[in-house]
N, C-alpha and C. Protein backbone atom coordinates (compact mmCIF):
# COMPACT_ATOMS: atom_id res chain seq x y z
N MET A 1 9.49 -30.29 10.35
CA MET A 1 8.44 -30.55 10.88
C MET A 1 7.16 -30.47 10.90
N ILE A 2 6.78 -28.98 10.76
CA ILE A 2 5.44 -28.32 10.43
C ILE A 2 4.93 -29.19 8.94
N GLY A 3 6.14 -29.45 8.21
CA GLY A 3 5.49 -29.96 6.90
C GLY A 3 4.73 -31.22 6.74
N LYS A 4 4.93 -31.87 8.15
CA LYS A 4 3.99 -33.28 8.55
C LYS A 4 3.12 -33.52 8.83
N ARG A 5 2.77 -32.11 9.38
CA ARG A 5 1.41 -32.00 10.23
C ARG A 5 0.39 -31.11 9.00
N LYS A 6 0.61 -30.22 8.11
CA LYS A 6 -0.10 -29.42 7.29
C LYS A 6 0.01 -30.25 5.71
N SER A 7 -0.84 -29.71 5.09
CA SER A 7 -0.94 -30.17 3.43
C SER A 7 -0.25 -29.48 3.11
N LYS A 8 0.15 -29.95 1.49
CA LYS A 8 1.04 -29.12 1.09
C LYS A 8 0.60 -27.76 0.34
N ASN A 9 -0.70 -27.55 0.08
CA ASN A 9 -1.51 -26.03 0.10
C ASN A 9 -1.13 -25.10 1.54
N GLU A 10 -1.56 -25.93 2.45
CA GLU A 10 -1.22 -25.28 3.78
C GLU A 10 -0.36 -24.73 4.08
N LEU A 11 0.92 -25.56 3.76
CA LEU A 11 2.29 -25.60 3.92
C LEU A 11 2.70 -23.89 2.97
N THR A 12 2.29 -24.26 1.73
CA THR A 12 2.82 -23.02 1.16
C THR A 12 2.12 -21.79 1.54
N VAL A 13 1.22 -21.67 2.07
CA VAL A 13 0.34 -20.45 2.65
C VAL A 13 1.37 -20.03 3.79
N PHE A 14 1.44 -21.29 4.85
CA PHE A 14 2.27 -20.86 5.60
C PHE A 14 3.85 -20.07 5.52
N LEU A 15 4.52 -21.04 4.79
CA LEU A 15 5.89 -20.38 4.40
C LEU A 15 5.66 -18.76 3.67
N LEU A 16 4.67 -18.78 2.81
CA LEU A 16 4.54 -17.50 2.24
C LEU A 16 4.33 -16.30 3.08
N LYS A 17 3.22 -16.60 3.85
CA LYS A 17 3.09 -15.85 5.09
C LYS A 17 4.48 -15.27 6.24
N ARG A 18 5.35 -16.58 6.09
CA ARG A 18 6.25 -16.24 7.02
C ARG A 18 7.24 -15.46 6.36
N GLY A 19 7.43 -16.01 5.14
CA GLY A 19 8.38 -14.92 4.31
C GLY A 19 8.45 -13.54 4.30
N LEU A 20 6.25 -12.97 4.33
CA LEU A 20 6.37 -11.79 4.09
C LEU A 20 6.44 -11.14 5.38
N TRP A 21 6.21 -11.69 6.55
CA TRP A 21 6.53 -11.27 7.57
C TRP A 21 8.22 -11.04 8.00
N LEU A 22 8.78 -11.90 7.91
CA LEU A 22 10.12 -11.98 7.50
C LEU A 22 10.95 -10.58 7.04
N VAL A 23 10.33 -10.30 5.93
CA VAL A 23 10.74 -8.95 5.13
C VAL A 23 9.91 -7.74 5.52
N PHE A 24 8.78 -8.00 6.49
CA PHE A 24 8.38 -6.95 6.98
C PHE A 24 9.31 -6.61 8.20
N VAL A 25 9.37 -7.41 9.15
CA VAL A 25 10.50 -7.18 9.91
C VAL A 25 11.77 -6.76 9.76
N GLU A 26 12.08 -7.03 8.70
CA GLU A 26 13.63 -6.55 8.42
C GLU A 26 13.37 -5.31 7.84
N LEU A 27 12.71 -4.94 6.88
CA LEU A 27 12.75 -3.76 6.64
C LEU A 27 12.15 -2.63 7.54
N VAL A 28 11.33 -2.60 8.64
CA VAL A 28 10.73 -1.79 9.28
C VAL A 28 11.54 -1.84 10.92
N ILE A 29 11.26 -3.03 11.28
CA ILE A 29 11.73 -3.10 12.75
C ILE A 29 13.57 -3.01 12.72
N VAL A 30 14.05 -3.63 12.06
CA VAL A 30 15.63 -4.00 11.91
C VAL A 30 16.17 -2.39 11.49
N ASN A 31 15.94 -1.88 10.67
CA ASN A 31 15.95 -0.61 10.01
C ASN A 31 15.96 0.53 10.87
N PHE A 32 14.72 0.44 11.64
CA PHE A 32 14.35 1.71 12.29
C PHE A 32 15.51 1.36 13.69
N ALA A 33 15.66 0.40 14.16
CA ALA A 33 16.41 0.11 15.55
C ALA A 33 17.99 0.28 14.91
N TRP A 34 18.18 -0.14 13.41
CA TRP A 34 19.79 0.04 13.11
C TRP A 34 20.33 1.90 13.25
N TYR A 35 19.13 2.46 12.16
CA TYR A 35 19.50 3.73 11.47
C TYR A 35 18.52 4.83 12.32
N PHE A 36 17.51 4.20 13.20
CA PHE A 36 16.72 5.28 13.78
C PHE A 36 16.51 6.42 13.39
N ASP A 37 15.93 5.92 12.38
CA ASP A 37 15.45 6.80 10.95
C ASP A 37 13.99 6.96 11.06
N PRO A 38 13.05 8.01 11.49
CA PRO A 38 11.46 7.71 11.59
C PRO A 38 11.06 7.69 10.20
N GLY A 39 11.86 8.71 9.48
CA GLY A 39 11.32 8.79 7.89
C GLY A 39 11.76 7.73 6.95
N PHE A 40 12.71 6.85 7.62
CA PHE A 40 13.00 5.51 6.85
C PHE A 40 13.29 6.34 5.48
N ARG A 41 14.15 6.88 5.42
CA ARG A 41 15.27 7.69 4.34
C ARG A 41 15.94 6.98 3.74
N THR A 42 16.49 5.81 4.99
CA THR A 42 17.66 4.82 4.71
C THR A 42 17.43 3.51 4.63
N VAL A 43 17.19 2.66 3.59
CA VAL A 43 16.53 1.53 3.74
C VAL A 43 17.66 0.77 3.29
N SER A 44 18.19 -0.26 3.68
CA SER A 44 19.18 -1.59 3.48
C SER A 44 18.58 -2.41 4.05
N PHE A 45 19.12 -3.65 3.48
CA PHE A 45 18.96 -4.92 3.96
C PHE A 45 20.04 -5.72 4.68
N LEU A 46 20.14 -6.24 5.83
CA LEU A 46 20.93 -6.33 6.71
C LEU A 46 20.98 -7.90 7.23
N VAL A 47 19.83 -8.13 7.54
CA VAL A 47 19.69 -9.52 8.42
C VAL A 47 19.53 -10.67 7.06
N ILE A 48 18.32 -10.87 6.73
CA ILE A 48 18.01 -11.83 5.65
C ILE A 48 18.33 -12.13 4.47
N TRP A 49 19.21 -10.78 4.21
CA TRP A 49 19.65 -10.94 2.71
C TRP A 49 21.26 -10.90 2.44
N VAL A 50 21.45 -12.34 2.39
CA VAL A 50 23.14 -12.61 2.29
C VAL A 50 23.28 -12.64 0.90
N TRP A 51 24.68 -12.53 0.54
CA TRP A 51 25.04 -13.00 -0.61
C TRP A 51 26.26 -13.57 -0.42
N GLU A 52 26.37 -14.82 -1.43
CA GLU A 52 27.37 -15.36 -1.22
C GLU A 52 27.99 -15.50 -2.71
């Protein structure tokens, strides 16, 4: 739906920003909530990293 309202360049920038935001949320918020490690000594990819 959003692809119909934006040009190809705008859509590319939007998707890159959204991807970077999701990686940030995964590494910072989800890892902190899962391990409660303020030093972030344990980092794992739990939510958006799926192996098939």
